[in-house]
PDB file of N, CA and C in Angstrom:
ATOM      1  N   UNK A   1       1.439  -0.803  28.223  1.00  0.00           N
ATOM      2  CA  UNK A   1       1.168  -1.105  26.823  1.00  0.00           C
ATOM      3  C   UNK A   1       0.388   0.050  26.192  1.00  0.00           C
ATOM      4  N   UNK A   2       0.758   0.420  24.977  1.00  0.00           N
ATOM      5  CA  UNK A   2       0.111   1.524  24.279  1.00  0.00           C
ATOM      6  C   UNK A   2      -1.266   1.104  23.777  1.00  0.00           C
ATOM      7  N   UNK A   3      -2.197   2.055  23.821  1.00  0.00           N
ATOM      8  CA  UNK A   3      -3.508   1.755  23.251  1.00  0.00           C
ATOM      9  C   UNK A   3      -3.450   1.912  21.729  1.00  0.00           C
ATOM     10  N   UNK A   4      -4.497   1.468  21.067  1.00  0.00           N
ATOM     11  CA  UNK A   4      -4.509   1.438  19.603  1.00  0.00           C
ATOM     12  C   UNK A   4      -4.365   2.820  18.976  1.00  0.00           C
ATOM     13  N   UNK A   5      -4.996   3.828  19.561  1.00  0.00           N
ATOM     14  CA  UNK A   5      -4.887   5.175  19.001  1.00  0.00           C
ATOM     15  C   UNK A   5      -3.451   5.691  19.115  1.00  0.00           C
ATOM     16  N   UNK A   6      -2.779   5.421  20.222  1.00  0.00           N
ATOM     17  CA  UNK A   6      -1.387   5.843  20.388  1.00  0.00           C
ATOM     18  C   UNK A   6      -0.481   5.117  19.395  1.00  0.00           C
ATOM     19  N   UNK A   7      -0.764   3.851  19.145  1.00  0.00           N
ATOM     20  CA  UNK A   7       0.005   3.102  18.145  1.00  0.00           C
ATOM     21  C   UNK A   7      -0.238   3.695  16.764  1.00  0.00           C
ATOM     22  N   UNK A   8      -1.481   4.013  16.467  1.00  0.00           N
ATOM     23  CA  UNK A   8      -1.842   4.627  15.194  1.00  0.00           C
ATOM     24  C   UNK A   8      -1.047   5.925  14.997  1.00  0.00           C
ATOM     25  N   UNK A   9      -0.997   6.750  16.025  1.00  0.00           N
ATOM     26  CA  UNK A   9      -0.244   8.000  15.950  1.00  0.00           C
ATOM     27  C   UNK A   9       1.238   7.730  15.696  1.00  0.00           C
ATOM     28  N   UNK A  10       1.828   6.777  16.396  1.00  0.00           N
ATOM     29  CA  UNK A  10       3.245   6.445  16.200  1.00  0.00           C
ATOM     30  C   UNK A  10       3.519   5.976  14.779  1.00  0.00           C
ATOM     31  N   UNK A  11       2.609   5.177  14.235  1.00  0.00           N
ATOM     32  CA  UNK A  11       2.765   4.697  12.856  1.00  0.00           C
ATOM     33  C   UNK A  11       2.731   5.874  11.885  1.00  0.00           C
ATOM     34  N   UNK A  12       1.752   6.748  12.042  1.00  0.00           N
ATOM     35  CA  UNK A  12       1.621   7.902  11.142  1.00  0.00           C
ATOM     36  C   UNK A  12       2.868   8.783  11.232  1.00  0.00           C
ATOM     37  N   UNK A  13       3.347   9.043  12.438  1.00  0.00           N
ATOM     38  CA  UNK A  13       4.551   9.866  12.609  1.00  0.00           C
ATOM     39  C   UNK A  13       5.770   9.216  11.945  1.00  0.00           C
ATOM     40  N   UNK A  14       5.916   7.903  12.090  1.00  0.00           N
ATOM     41  CA  UNK A  14       7.027   7.200  11.461  1.00  0.00           C
ATOM     42  C   UNK A  14       6.933   7.284   9.939  1.00  0.00           C
ATOM     43  N   UNK A  15       5.764   7.036   9.404  1.00  0.00           N
ATOM     44  CA  UNK A  15       5.581   7.100   7.954  1.00  0.00           C
ATOM     45  C   UNK A  15       5.872   8.498   7.422  1.00  0.00           C
ATOM     46  N   UNK A  16       5.394   9.506   8.122  1.00  0.00           N
ATOM     47  CA  UNK A  16       5.640  10.886   7.699  1.00  0.00           C
ATOM     48  C   UNK A  16       7.137  11.197   7.729  1.00  0.00           C
ATOM     49  N   UNK A  17       7.805  10.790   8.783  1.00  0.00           N
ATOM     50  CA  UNK A  17       9.238  11.052   8.932  1.00  0.00           C
ATOM     51  C   UNK A  17      10.043  10.424   7.803  1.00  0.00           C
ATOM     52  N   UNK A  18       9.563   9.298   7.287  1.00  0.00           N
ATOM     53  CA  UNK A  18      10.300   8.581   6.256  1.00  0.00           C
ATOM     54  C   UNK A  18       9.706   8.791   4.862  1.00  0.00           C
ATOM     55  N   UNK A  19       9.012   9.909   4.716  1.00  0.00           N
ATOM     56  CA  UNK A  19       8.565  10.416   3.409  1.00  0.00           C
ATOM     57  C   UNK A  19       7.493   9.589   2.714  1.00  0.00           C
ATOM     58  N   UNK A  20       6.638   8.919   3.492  1.00  0.00           N
ATOM     59  CA  UNK A  20       5.461   8.292   2.886  1.00  0.00           C
ATOM     60  C   UNK A  20       4.536   9.403   2.407  1.00  0.00           C
ATOM     61  N   UNK A  21       3.721   9.116   1.426  1.00  0.00           N
ATOM     62  CA  UNK A  21       2.774  10.110   0.924  1.00  0.00           C
ATOM     63  C   UNK A  21       1.345   9.613   1.120  1.00  0.00           C
ATOM     64  N   UNK A  22       0.419  10.548   1.064  1.00  0.00           N
ATOM     65  CA  UNK A  22      -1.016  10.270   1.155  1.00  0.00           C
ATOM     66  C   UNK A  22      -1.354   9.355   2.342  1.00  0.00           C
ATOM     67  N   UNK A  23      -0.929   9.785   3.532  1.00  0.00           N
ATOM     68  CA  UNK A  23      -1.161   8.996   4.745  1.00  0.00           C
ATOM     69  C   UNK A  23      -2.581   9.233   5.240  1.00  0.00           C
ATOM     70  N   UNK A  24      -3.325   8.151   5.429  1.00  0.00           N
ATOM     71  CA  UNK A  24      -4.678   8.241   5.967  1.00  0.00           C
ATOM     72  C   UNK A  24      -4.848   7.202   7.067  1.00  0.00           C
ATOM     73  N   UNK A  25      -5.797   7.463   7.952  1.00  0.00           N
ATOM     74  CA  UNK A  25      -6.120   6.504   9.014  1.00  0.00           C
ATOM     75  C   UNK A  25      -7.632   6.444   9.157  1.00  0.00           C
ATOM     76  N   UNK A  26      -8.142   5.236   9.322  1.00  0.00           N
ATOM     77  CA  UNK A  26      -9.585   5.016   9.424  1.00  0.00           C
ATOM     78  C   UNK A  26      -9.858   4.168  10.662  1.00  0.00           C
ATOM     79  N   UNK A  27     -10.774   4.621  11.493  1.00  0.00           N
ATOM     80  CA  UNK A  27     -11.242   3.827  12.621  1.00  0.00           C
ATOM     81  C   UNK A  27     -12.259   2.820  12.138  1.00  0.00           C
ATOM     82  N   UNK A  28     -11.986   1.546  12.373  1.00  0.00           N
ATOM     83  CA  UNK A  28     -12.862   0.480  11.857  1.00  0.00           C
ATOM     84  C   UNK A  28     -13.386  -0.429  12.963  1.00  0.00           C
ATOM     85  N   UNK A  29     -13.210  -0.044  14.209  1.00  0.00           N
ATOM     86  CA  UNK A  29     -13.588  -0.921  15.327  1.00  0.00           C
ATOM     87  C   UNK A  29     -15.085  -1.204  15.377  1.00  0.00           C
ATOM     88  N   UNK A  30     -15.902  -0.312  14.831  1.00  0.00           N
ATOM     89  CA  UNK A  30     -17.347  -0.543  14.802  1.00  0.00           C
ATOM     90  C   UNK A  30     -17.771  -1.417  13.624  1.00  0.00           C
ATOM     91  N   UNK A  31     -16.813  -1.691  12.710  1.00  0.00           N
ATOM     92  CA  UNK A  31     -17.134  -2.428  11.493  1.00  0.00           C
ATOM     93  C   UNK A  31     -16.559  -3.840  11.457  1.00  0.00           C
ATOM     94  N   UNK A  32     -15.518  -4.081  12.250  1.00  0.00           N
ATOM     95  CA  UNK A  32     -14.844  -5.371  12.219  1.00  0.00           C
ATOM     96  C   UNK A  32     -14.207  -5.670  13.571  1.00  0.00           C
ATOM     97  N   UNK A  33     -14.014  -6.933  13.847  1.00  0.00           N
ATOM     98  CA  UNK A  33     -13.360  -7.331  15.093  1.00  0.00           C
ATOM     99  C   UNK A  33     -11.858  -7.541  14.898  1.00  0.00           C
ATOM    100  N   UNK A  34     -11.359  -7.439  13.678  1.00  0.00           N
ATOM    101  CA  UNK A  34      -9.957  -7.765  13.426  1.00  0.00           C
ATOM    102  C   UNK A  34      -8.988  -6.688  13.895  1.00  0.00           C
ATOM    103  N   UNK A  35      -9.419  -5.437  13.959  1.00  0.00           N
ATOM    104  CA  UNK A  35      -8.528  -4.346  14.356  1.00  0.00           C
ATOM    105  C   UNK A  35      -9.347  -3.112  14.691  1.00  0.00           C
ATOM    106  N   UNK A  36      -8.683  -2.123  15.273  1.00  0.00           N
ATOM    107  CA  UNK A  36      -9.346  -0.857  15.588  1.00  0.00           C
ATOM    108  C   UNK A  36      -9.131   0.200  14.513  1.00  0.00           C
ATOM    109  N   UNK A  37      -7.923   0.204  13.910  1.00  0.00           N
ATOM    110  CA  UNK A  37      -7.572   1.234  12.922  1.00  0.00           C
ATOM    111  C   UNK A  37      -6.836   0.625  11.744  1.00  0.00           C
ATOM    112  N   UNK A  38      -7.073   1.202  10.570  1.00  0.00           N
ATOM    113  CA  UNK A  38      -6.258   0.966   9.391  1.00  0.00           C
ATOM    114  C   UNK A  38      -5.468   2.238   9.149  1.00  0.00           C
ATOM    115  N   UNK A  39      -4.187   2.104   8.871  1.00  0.00           N
ATOM    116  CA  UNK A  39      -3.368   3.225   8.405  1.00  0.00           C
ATOM    117  C   UNK A  39      -2.917   2.865   7.004  1.00  0.00           C
ATOM    118  N   UNK A  40      -3.078   3.799   6.067  1.00  0.00           N
ATOM    119  CA  UNK A  40      -2.703   3.569   4.685  1.00  0.00           C
ATOM    120  C   UNK A  40      -1.762   4.669   4.229  1.00  0.00           C
ATOM    121  N   UNK A  41      -0.765   4.282   3.443  1.00  0.00           N
ATOM    122  CA  UNK A  41       0.199   5.255   2.925  1.00  0.00           C
ATOM    123  C   UNK A  41       0.848   4.693   1.670  1.00  0.00           C
ATOM    124  N   UNK A  42       1.538   5.577   0.944  1.00  0.00           N
ATOM    125  CA  UNK A  42       2.204   5.186  -0.290  1.00  0.00           C
ATOM    126  C   UNK A  42       3.699   5.446  -0.213  1.00  0.00           C
ATOM    127  N   UNK A  43       4.424   4.589  -0.917  1.00  0.00           N
ATOM    128  CA  UNK A  43       5.833   4.803  -1.210  1.00  0.00           C
ATOM    129  C   UNK A  43       5.989   4.825  -2.712  1.00  0.00           C
ATOM    130  N   UNK A  44       6.990   5.507  -3.205  1.00  0.00           N
ATOM    131  CA  UNK A  44       7.132   5.711  -4.646  1.00  0.00           C
ATOM    132  C   UNK A  44       7.659   4.527  -5.428  1.00  0.00           C
ATOM    133  N   UNK A  45       8.190   3.522  -4.741  1.00  0.00           N
ATOM    134  CA  UNK A  45       8.764   2.357  -5.416  1.00  0.00           C
ATOM    135  C   UNK A  45       8.711   1.172  -4.458  1.00  0.00           C
ATOM    136  N   UNK A  46       9.030  -0.009  -4.974  1.00  0.00           N
ATOM    137  CA  UNK A  46       9.072  -1.193  -4.118  1.00  0.00           C
ATOM    138  C   UNK A  46      10.099  -1.005  -3.005  1.00  0.00           C
ATOM    139  N   UNK A  47      11.222  -0.415  -3.330  1.00  0.00           N
ATOM    140  CA  UNK A  47      12.262  -0.181  -2.327  1.00  0.00           C
ATOM    141  C   UNK A  47      11.774   0.762  -1.242  1.00  0.00           C
ATOM    142  N   UNK A  48      11.084   1.820  -1.636  1.00  0.00           N
ATOM    143  CA  UNK A  48      10.566   2.779  -0.657  1.00  0.00           C
ATOM    144  C   UNK A  48       9.496   2.134   0.223  1.00  0.00           C
ATOM    145  N   UNK A  49       8.615   1.344  -0.356  1.00  0.00           N
ATOM    146  CA  UNK A  49       7.566   0.666   0.412  1.00  0.00           C
ATOM    147  C   UNK A  49       8.190  -0.284   1.430  1.00  0.00           C
ATOM    148  N   UNK A  50       9.192  -1.052   1.009  1.00  0.00           N
ATOM    149  CA  UNK A  50       9.902  -1.954   1.945  1.00  0.00           C
ATOM    150  C   UNK A  50      10.580  -1.161   3.051  1.00  0.00           C
ATOM    151  N   UNK A  51      11.203  -0.057   2.692  1.00  0.00           N
ATOM    152  CA  UNK A  51      11.876   0.792   3.670  1.00  0.00           C
ATOM    153  C   UNK A  51      10.884   1.344   4.693  1.00  0.00           C
ATOM    154  N   UNK A  52       9.718   1.771   4.237  1.00  0.00           N
ATOM    155  CA  UNK A  52       8.685   2.262   5.154  1.00  0.00           C
ATOM    156  C   UNK A  52       8.282   1.162   6.136  1.00  0.00           C
ATOM    157  N   UNK A  53       8.084  -0.047   5.626  1.00  0.00           N
ATOM    158  CA  UNK A  53       7.719  -1.169   6.496  1.00  0.00           C
ATOM    159  C   UNK A  53       8.809  -1.436   7.526  1.00  0.00           C
ATOM    160  N   UNK A  54      10.060  -1.419   7.073  1.00  0.00           N
ATOM    161  CA  UNK A  54      11.183  -1.650   7.987  1.00  0.00           C
ATOM    162  C   UNK A  54      11.233  -0.596   9.087  1.00  0.00           C
ATOM    163  N   UNK A  55      11.074   0.663   8.706  1.00  0.00           N
ATOM    164  CA  UNK A  55      11.132   1.751   9.688  1.00  0.00           C
ATOM    165  C   UNK A  55       9.993   1.656  10.701  1.00  0.00           C
ATOM    166  N   UNK A  56       8.793   1.390  10.224  1.00  0.00           N
ATOM    167  CA  UNK A  56       7.660   1.245  11.143  1.00  0.00           C
ATOM    168  C   UNK A  56       7.933   0.102  12.111  1.00  0.00           C
ATOM    169  N   UNK A  57       8.374  -1.024  11.594  1.00  0.00           N
ATOM    170  CA  UNK A  57       8.628  -2.172  12.456  1.00  0.00           C
ATOM    171  C   UNK A  57       9.692  -1.859  13.508  1.00  0.00           C
ATOM    172  N   UNK A  58      10.789  -1.241  13.099  1.00  0.00           N
ATOM    173  CA  UNK A  58      11.876  -0.915  14.033  1.00  0.00           C
ATOM    174  C   UNK A  58      11.455   0.118  15.071  1.00  0.00           C
ATOM    175  N   UNK A  59      10.805   1.179  14.618  1.00  0.00           N
ATOM    176  CA  UNK A  59      10.443   2.257  15.538  1.00  0.00           C
ATOM    177  C   UNK A  59       9.356   1.831  16.516  1.00  0.00           C
ATOM    178  N   UNK A  60       8.403   1.026  16.058  1.00  0.00           N
ATOM    179  CA  UNK A  60       7.363   0.558  16.967  1.00  0.00           C
ATOM    180  C   UNK A  60       7.919  -0.482  17.937  1.00  0.00           C
ATOM    181  N   UNK A  61       8.863  -1.312  17.482  1.00  0.00           N
ATOM    182  CA  UNK A  61       9.497  -2.288  18.385  1.00  0.00           C
ATOM    183  C   UNK A  61      10.212  -1.556  19.518  1.00  0.00           C
ATOM    184  N   UNK A  62      10.824  -0.411  19.209  1.00  0.00           N
ATOM    185  CA  UNK A  62      11.492   0.382  20.240  1.00  0.00           C
ATOM    186  C   UNK A  62      10.498   0.925  21.270  1.00  0.00           C
ATOM    187  N   UNK A  63       9.236   1.021  20.874  1.00  0.00           N
ATOM    188  CA  UNK A  63       8.176   1.467  21.786  1.00  0.00           C
ATOM    189  C   UNK A  63       7.460   0.284  22.445  1.00  0.00           C
ATOM    190  N   UNK A  64       7.934  -0.921  22.173  1.00  0.00           N
ATOM    191  CA  UNK A  64       7.350  -2.111  22.783  1.00  0.00           C
ATOM    192  C   UNK A  64       6.190  -2.715  22.013  1.00  0.00           C
ATOM    193  N   UNK A  65       6.016  -2.303  20.764  1.00  0.00           N
ATOM    194  CA  UNK A  65       4.924  -2.824  19.926  1.00  0.00           C
ATOM    195  C   UNK A  65       5.542  -3.697  18.843  1.00  0.00           C
ATOM    196  N   UNK A  66       5.177  -4.964  18.852  1.00  0.00           N
ATOM    197  CA  UNK A  66       5.731  -5.912  17.883  1.00  0.00           C
ATOM    198  C   UNK A  66       4.764  -6.158  16.732  1.00  0.00           C
ATOM    199  N   UNK A  67       5.315  -6.337  15.545  1.00  0.00           N
ATOM    200  CA  UNK A  67       4.517  -6.731  14.383  1.00  0.00           C
ATOM    201  C   UNK A  67       4.148  -8.193  14.550  1.00  0.00           C
ATOM    202  N   UNK A  68       2.855  -8.475  14.495  1.00  0.00           N
ATOM    203  CA  UNK A  68       2.378  -9.857  14.639  1.00  0.00           C
ATOM    204  C   UNK A  68       2.525 -10.658  13.363  1.00  0.00           C
ATOM    205  N   UNK A  69       2.325  -9.972  12.242  1.00  0.00           N
ATOM    206  CA  UNK A  69       2.382 -10.658  10.950  1.00  0.00           C
ATOM    207  C   UNK A  69       2.657  -9.630   9.866  1.00  0.00           C
ATOM    208  N   UNK A  70       3.423 -10.036   8.874  1.00  0.00           N
ATOM    209  CA  UNK A  70       3.727  -9.198   7.712  1.00  0.00           C
ATOM    210  C   UNK A  70       3.344  -9.972   6.458  1.00  0.00           C
ATOM    211  N   UNK A  71       2.711  -9.296   5.532  1.00  0.00           N
ATOM    212  CA  UNK A  71       2.356  -9.895   4.244  1.00  0.00           C
ATOM    213  C   UNK A  71       2.820  -8.979   3.117  1.00  0.00           C
ATOM    214  N   UNK A  72       3.245  -9.563   2.000  1.00  0.00           N
ATOM    215  CA  UNK A  72       3.541  -8.802   0.793  1.00  0.00           C
ATOM    216  C   UNK A  72       4.921  -8.183   0.722  1.00  0.00           C
ATOM    217  N   UNK A  73       5.805  -8.514   1.653  1.00  0.00           N
ATOM    218  CA  UNK A  73       7.111  -7.849   1.720  1.00  0.00           C
ATOM    219  C   UNK A  73       7.960  -8.125   0.480  1.00  0.00           C
ATOM    220  N   UNK A  74       7.950  -9.345  -0.014  1.00  0.00           N
ATOM    221  CA  UNK A  74       8.806  -9.692  -1.156  1.00  0.00           C
ATOM    222  C   UNK A  74       8.458  -8.883  -2.405  1.00  0.00           C
ATOM    223  N   UNK A  75       7.188  -8.856  -2.754  1.00  0.00           N
ATOM    224  CA  UNK A  75       6.767  -8.145  -3.965  1.00  0.00           C
ATOM    225  C   UNK A  75       6.714  -6.635  -3.740  1.00  0.00           C
ATOM    226  N   UNK A  76       6.272  -6.232  -2.571  1.00  0.00           N
ATOM    227  CA  UNK A  76       6.267  -4.836  -2.124  1.00  0.00           C
ATOM    228  C   UNK A  76       5.387  -3.893  -2.938  1.00  0.00           C
ATOM    229  N   UNK A  77       4.347  -4.442  -3.551  1.00  0.00           N
ATOM    230  CA  UNK A  77       3.335  -3.569  -4.147  1.00  0.00           C
ATOM    231  C   UNK A  77       2.331  -3.156  -3.084  1.00  0.00           C
ATOM    232  N   UNK A  78       2.109  -4.052  -2.104  1.00  0.00           N
ATOM    233  CA  UNK A  78       1.210  -3.806  -0.983  1.00  0.00           C
ATOM    234  C   UNK A  78       1.747  -4.606   0.196  1.00  0.00           C
ATOM    235  N   UNK A  79       2.273  -3.921   1.183  1.00  0.00           N
ATOM    236  CA  UNK A  79       2.759  -4.592   2.386  1.00  0.00           C
ATOM    237  C   UNK A  79       1.761  -4.324   3.500  1.00  0.00           C
ATOM    238  N   UNK A  80       1.394  -5.380   4.189  1.00  0.00           N
ATOM    239  CA  UNK A  80       0.485  -5.281   5.329  1.00  0.00           C
ATOM    240  C   UNK A  80       1.265  -5.633   6.593  1.00  0.00           C
ATOM    241  N   UNK A  81       1.194  -4.754   7.593  1.00  0.00           N
ATOM    242  CA  UNK A  81       1.795  -4.993   8.901  1.00  0.00           C
ATOM    243  C   UNK A  81       0.681  -5.065   9.924  1.00  0.00           C
ATOM    244  N   UNK A  82       0.554  -6.197  10.590  1.00  0.00           N
ATOM    245  CA  UNK A  82      -0.473  -6.379  11.616  1.00  0.00           C
ATOM    246  C   UNK A  82       0.143  -6.080  12.977  1.00  0.00           C
ATOM    247  N   UNK A  83      -0.299  -4.986  13.587  1.00  0.00           N
ATOM    248  CA  UNK A  83       0.176  -4.585  14.907  1.00  0.00           C
ATOM    249  C   UNK A  83      -0.884  -4.851  15.973  1.00  0.00           C
ATOM    250  N   UNK A  84      -1.854  -5.664  15.647  1.00  0.00           N
ATOM    251  CA  UNK A  84      -2.943  -5.946  16.585  1.00  0.00           C
ATOM    252  C   UNK A  84      -4.058  -4.926  16.425  1.00  0.00           C
ATOM    253  N   UNK A  85      -4.049  -3.894  17.219  1.00  0.00           N
ATOM    254  CA  UNK A  85      -5.083  -2.866  17.158  1.00  0.00           C
ATOM    255  C   UNK A  85      -4.959  -1.937  15.974  1.00  0.00           C
ATOM    256  N   UNK A  86      -3.857  -2.043  15.251  1.00  0.00           N
ATOM    257  CA  UNK A  86      -3.628  -1.227  14.054  1.00  0.00           C
ATOM    258  C   UNK A  86      -3.092  -2.137  12.951  1.00  0.00           C
ATOM    259  N   UNK A  87      -3.678  -2.021  11.771  1.00  0.00           N
ATOM    260  CA  UNK A  87      -3.166  -2.717  10.599  1.00  0.00           C
ATOM    261  C   UNK A  87      -2.695  -1.654   9.618  1.00  0.00           C
ATOM    262  N   UNK A  88      -1.437  -1.775   9.215  1.00  0.00           N
ATOM    263  CA  UNK A  88      -0.809  -0.792   8.326  1.00  0.00           C
ATOM    264  C   UNK A  88      -0.775  -1.365   6.912  1.00  0.00           C
ATOM    265  N   UNK A  89      -1.244  -0.555   5.956  1.00  0.00           N
ATOM    266  CA  UNK A  89      -1.236  -0.927   4.545  1.00  0.00           C
ATOM    267  C   UNK A  89      -0.310   0.045   3.821  1.00  0.00           C
ATOM    268  N   UNK A  90       0.767  -0.479   3.264  1.00  0.00           N
ATOM    269  CA  UNK A  90       1.734   0.343   2.531  1.00  0.00           C
ATOM    270  C   UNK A  90       1.698  -0.068   1.067  1.00  0.00           C
ATOM    271  N   UNK A  91       1.449   0.911   0.210  1.00  0.00           N
ATOM    272  CA  UNK A  91       1.203   0.628  -1.200  1.00  0.00           C
ATOM    273  C   UNK A  91       2.166   1.357  -2.113  1.00  0.00           C
ATOM    274  N   UNK A  92       2.338   0.790  -3.303  1.00  0.00           N
ATOM    275  CA  UNK A  92       2.791   1.581  -4.433  1.00  0.00           C
ATOM    276  C   UNK A  92       1.523   2.249  -4.980  1.00  0.00           C
ATOM    277  N   UNK A  93       1.636   3.441  -5.575  1.00  0.00           N
ATOM    278  CA  UNK A  93       0.430   4.211  -5.943  1.00  0.00           C
ATOM    279  C   UNK A  93      -0.580   3.464  -6.807  1.00  0.00           C
ATOM    280  N   UNK A  94      -0.121   2.761  -7.834  1.00  0.00           N
ATOM    281  CA  UNK A  94      -1.078   2.101  -8.740  1.00  0.00           C
ATOM    282  C   UNK A  94      -1.823   0.967  -8.025  1.00  0.00           C
ATOM    283  N   UNK A  95      -1.175   0.305  -7.103  1.00  0.00           N
ATOM    284  CA  UNK A  95      -1.830  -0.763  -6.346  1.00  0.00           C
ATOM    285  C   UNK A  95      -2.873  -0.173  -5.408  1.00  0.00           C
ATOM    286  N   UNK A  96      -2.550   0.948  -4.801  1.00  0.00           N
ATOM    287  CA  UNK A  96      -3.523   1.594  -3.909  1.00  0.00           C
ATOM    288  C   UNK A  96      -4.762   2.023  -4.679  1.00  0.00           C
ATOM    289  N   UNK A  97      -4.565   2.598  -5.837  1.00  0.00           N
ATOM    290  CA  UNK A  97      -5.721   3.017  -6.650  1.00  0.00           C
ATOM    291  C   UNK A  97      -6.570   1.805  -7.052  1.00  0.00           C
ATOM    292  N   UNK A  98      -5.916   0.710  -7.400  1.00  0.00           N
ATOM    293  CA  UNK A  98      -6.632  -0.476  -7.852  1.00  0.00           C
ATOM    294  C   UNK A  98      -7.526  -1.055  -6.747  1.00  0.00           C
ATOM    295  N   UNK A  99      -6.984  -1.214  -5.542  1.00  0.00           N
ATOM    296  CA  UNK A  99      -7.744  -1.835  -4.457  1.00  0.00           C
ATOM    297  C   UNK A  99      -8.652  -0.853  -3.723  1.00  0.00           C
ATOM    298  N   UNK A 100      -8.316   0.408  -3.694  1.00  0.00           N
ATOM    299  CA  UNK A 100      -9.155   1.483  -3.162  1.00  0.00           C
ATOM    300  C   UNK A 100      -9.794   1.123  -1.808  1.00  0.00           C
ATOM    301  N   UNK A 101      -8.946   0.798  -0.833  1.00  0.00           N
ATOM    302  CA  UNK A 101      -9.448   0.400   0.486  1.00  0.00           C
ATOM    303  C   UNK A 101     -10.268   1.494   1.160  1.00  0.00           C
ATOM    304  N   UNK A 102      -9.931   2.743   0.885  1.00  0.00           N
ATOM    305  CA  UNK A 102     -10.709   3.832   1.485  1.00  0.00           C
ATOM    306  C   UNK A 102     -12.179   3.743   1.080  1.00  0.00           C
ATOM    307  N   UNK A 103     -12.438   3.361  -0.148  1.00  0.00           N
ATOM    308  CA  UNK A 103     -13.826   3.196  -0.598  1.00  0.00           C
ATOM    309  C   UNK A 103     -14.465   1.996   0.088  1.00  0.00           C
ATOM    310  N   UNK A 104     -13.726   0.898   0.191  1.00  0.00           N
ATOM    311  CA  UNK A 104     -14.269  -0.303   0.817  1.00  0.00           C
ATOM    312  C   UNK A 104     -14.610  -0.086   2.291  1.00  0.00           C
ATOM    313  N   UNK A 105     -13.834   0.774   2.973  1.00  0.00           N
ATOM    314  CA  UNK A 105     -14.028   1.025   4.402  1.00  0.00           C
ATOM    315  C   UNK A 105     -14.577   2.429   4.648  1.00  0.00           C
ATOM    316  N   UNK A 106     -15.339   2.951   3.684  1.00  0.00           N
ATOM    317  CA  UNK A 106     -15.854   4.323   3.771  1.00  0.00           C
ATOM    318  C   UNK A 106     -16.788   4.541   4.958  1.00  0.00           C
ATOM    319  N   UNK A 107     -17.353   3.488   5.510  1.00  0.00           N
ATOM    320  CA  UNK A 107     -18.231   3.618   6.668  1.00  0.00           C
ATOM    321  C   UNK A 107     -17.451   3.751   7.977  1.00  0.00           C
ATOM    322  N   UNK A 108     -16.136   3.632   7.900  1.00  0.00           N
ATOM    323  CA  UNK A 108     -15.294   3.825   9.076  1.00  0.00           C
ATOM    324  C   UNK A 108     -15.164   5.308   9.407  1.00  0.00           C
ATOM    325  N   UNK A 109     -14.505   5.582  10.523  1.00  0.00           N
ATOM    326  CA  UNK A 109     -14.302   6.958  10.975  1.00  0.00           C
ATOM    327  C   UNK A 109     -12.958   7.454  10.456  1.00  0.00           C
ATOM    328  N   UNK A 110     -13.003   8.456   9.597  1.00  0.00           N
ATOM    329  CA  UNK A 110     -11.781   9.039   9.041  1.00  0.00           C
ATOM    330  C   UNK A 110     -11.090   9.867  10.120  1.00  0.00           C
ATOM    331  N   UNK A 111      -9.841   9.526  10.464  1.00  0.00           N
ATOM    332  CA  UNK A 111      -9.097  10.279  11.465  1.00  0.00           C
ATOM    333  C   UNK A 111      -8.392  11.455  10.831  1.00  0.00           C
ATOM    334  N   UNK A 112      -8.298  12.542  11.566  1.00  0.00           N
ATOM    335  CA  UNK A 112      -7.529  13.692  11.125  1.00  0.00           C
ATOM    336  C   UNK A 112      -6.082  13.470  11.549  1.00  0.00           C
ATOM    337  N   UNK A 113      -5.208  13.144  10.609  1.00  0.00           N
ATOM    338  CA  UNK A 113      -3.806  12.869  10.941  1.00  0.00           C
ATOM    339  C   UNK A 113      -2.923  14.112  10.863  1.00  0.00           C
ATOM    340  N   UNK A 114      -3.488  15.254  10.501  1.00  0.00           N
ATOM    341  CA  UNK A 114      -2.672  16.450  10.328  1.00  0.00           C
ATOM    342  C   UNK A 114      -1.881  16.846  11.577  1.00  0.00           C
ATOM    343  N   UNK A 115      -2.397  16.627  12.801  1.00  0.00           N
ATOM    344  CA  UNK A 115      -1.557  16.976  13.958  1.00  0.00           C
ATOM    345  C   UNK A 115      -0.322  16.070  14.097  1.00  0.00           C
ATOM    346  N   UNK A 116      -0.308  14.942  13.415  1.00  0.00           N
ATOM    347  CA  UNK A 116       0.772  13.969  13.562  1.00  0.00           C
ATOM    348  C   UNK A 116       1.810  14.045  12.445  1.00  0.00           C
ATOM    349  N   UNK A 117       1.566  14.900  11.448  1.00  0.00           N
ATOM    350  CA  UNK A 117       2.483  15.011  10.325  1.00  0.00           C
ATOM    351  C   UNK A 117       3.039  16.424  10.245  1.00  0.00           C
ATOM    352  N   UNK A 118       4.206  16.536   9.608  1.00  0.00           N
ATOM    353  CA  UNK A 118       4.814  17.849   9.407  1.00  0.00           C
ATOM    354  C   UNK A 118       4.265  18.458   8.132  1.00  0.00           C
ATOM    355  N   UNK A 119       4.349  19.750   8.044  1.00  0.00           N
ATOM    356  CA  UNK A 119       3.835  20.435   6.854  1.00  0.00           C
ATOM    357  C   UNK A 119       4.755  20.346   5.686  1.00  0.00           C
TER     358      UNK A 119
END
């Protein structure tokens, strides 16, 4: 079974491959018991956000990681994928700005995702 950091890396790589923008990851294990990492990214439209969620779910399932719960898929302004040790937040840009999760979880550890994304 993959550890949470390896799952986080797989999620970031999948999102990057499928053209998500503004991908960030925050370590929150010292702040909450619900998960170890949050991954946040944007898609340009509801269709793109849904597509990102679908790709993450399919690619992680191929690695043996199942989505435990999905929220927000129908509306697709903010889709949440619960992978256990990693919770993925996929936003349309205006929704991400409105909720500003990075500010809410600013005490978490900001991960450097640059090694996991292409230039």
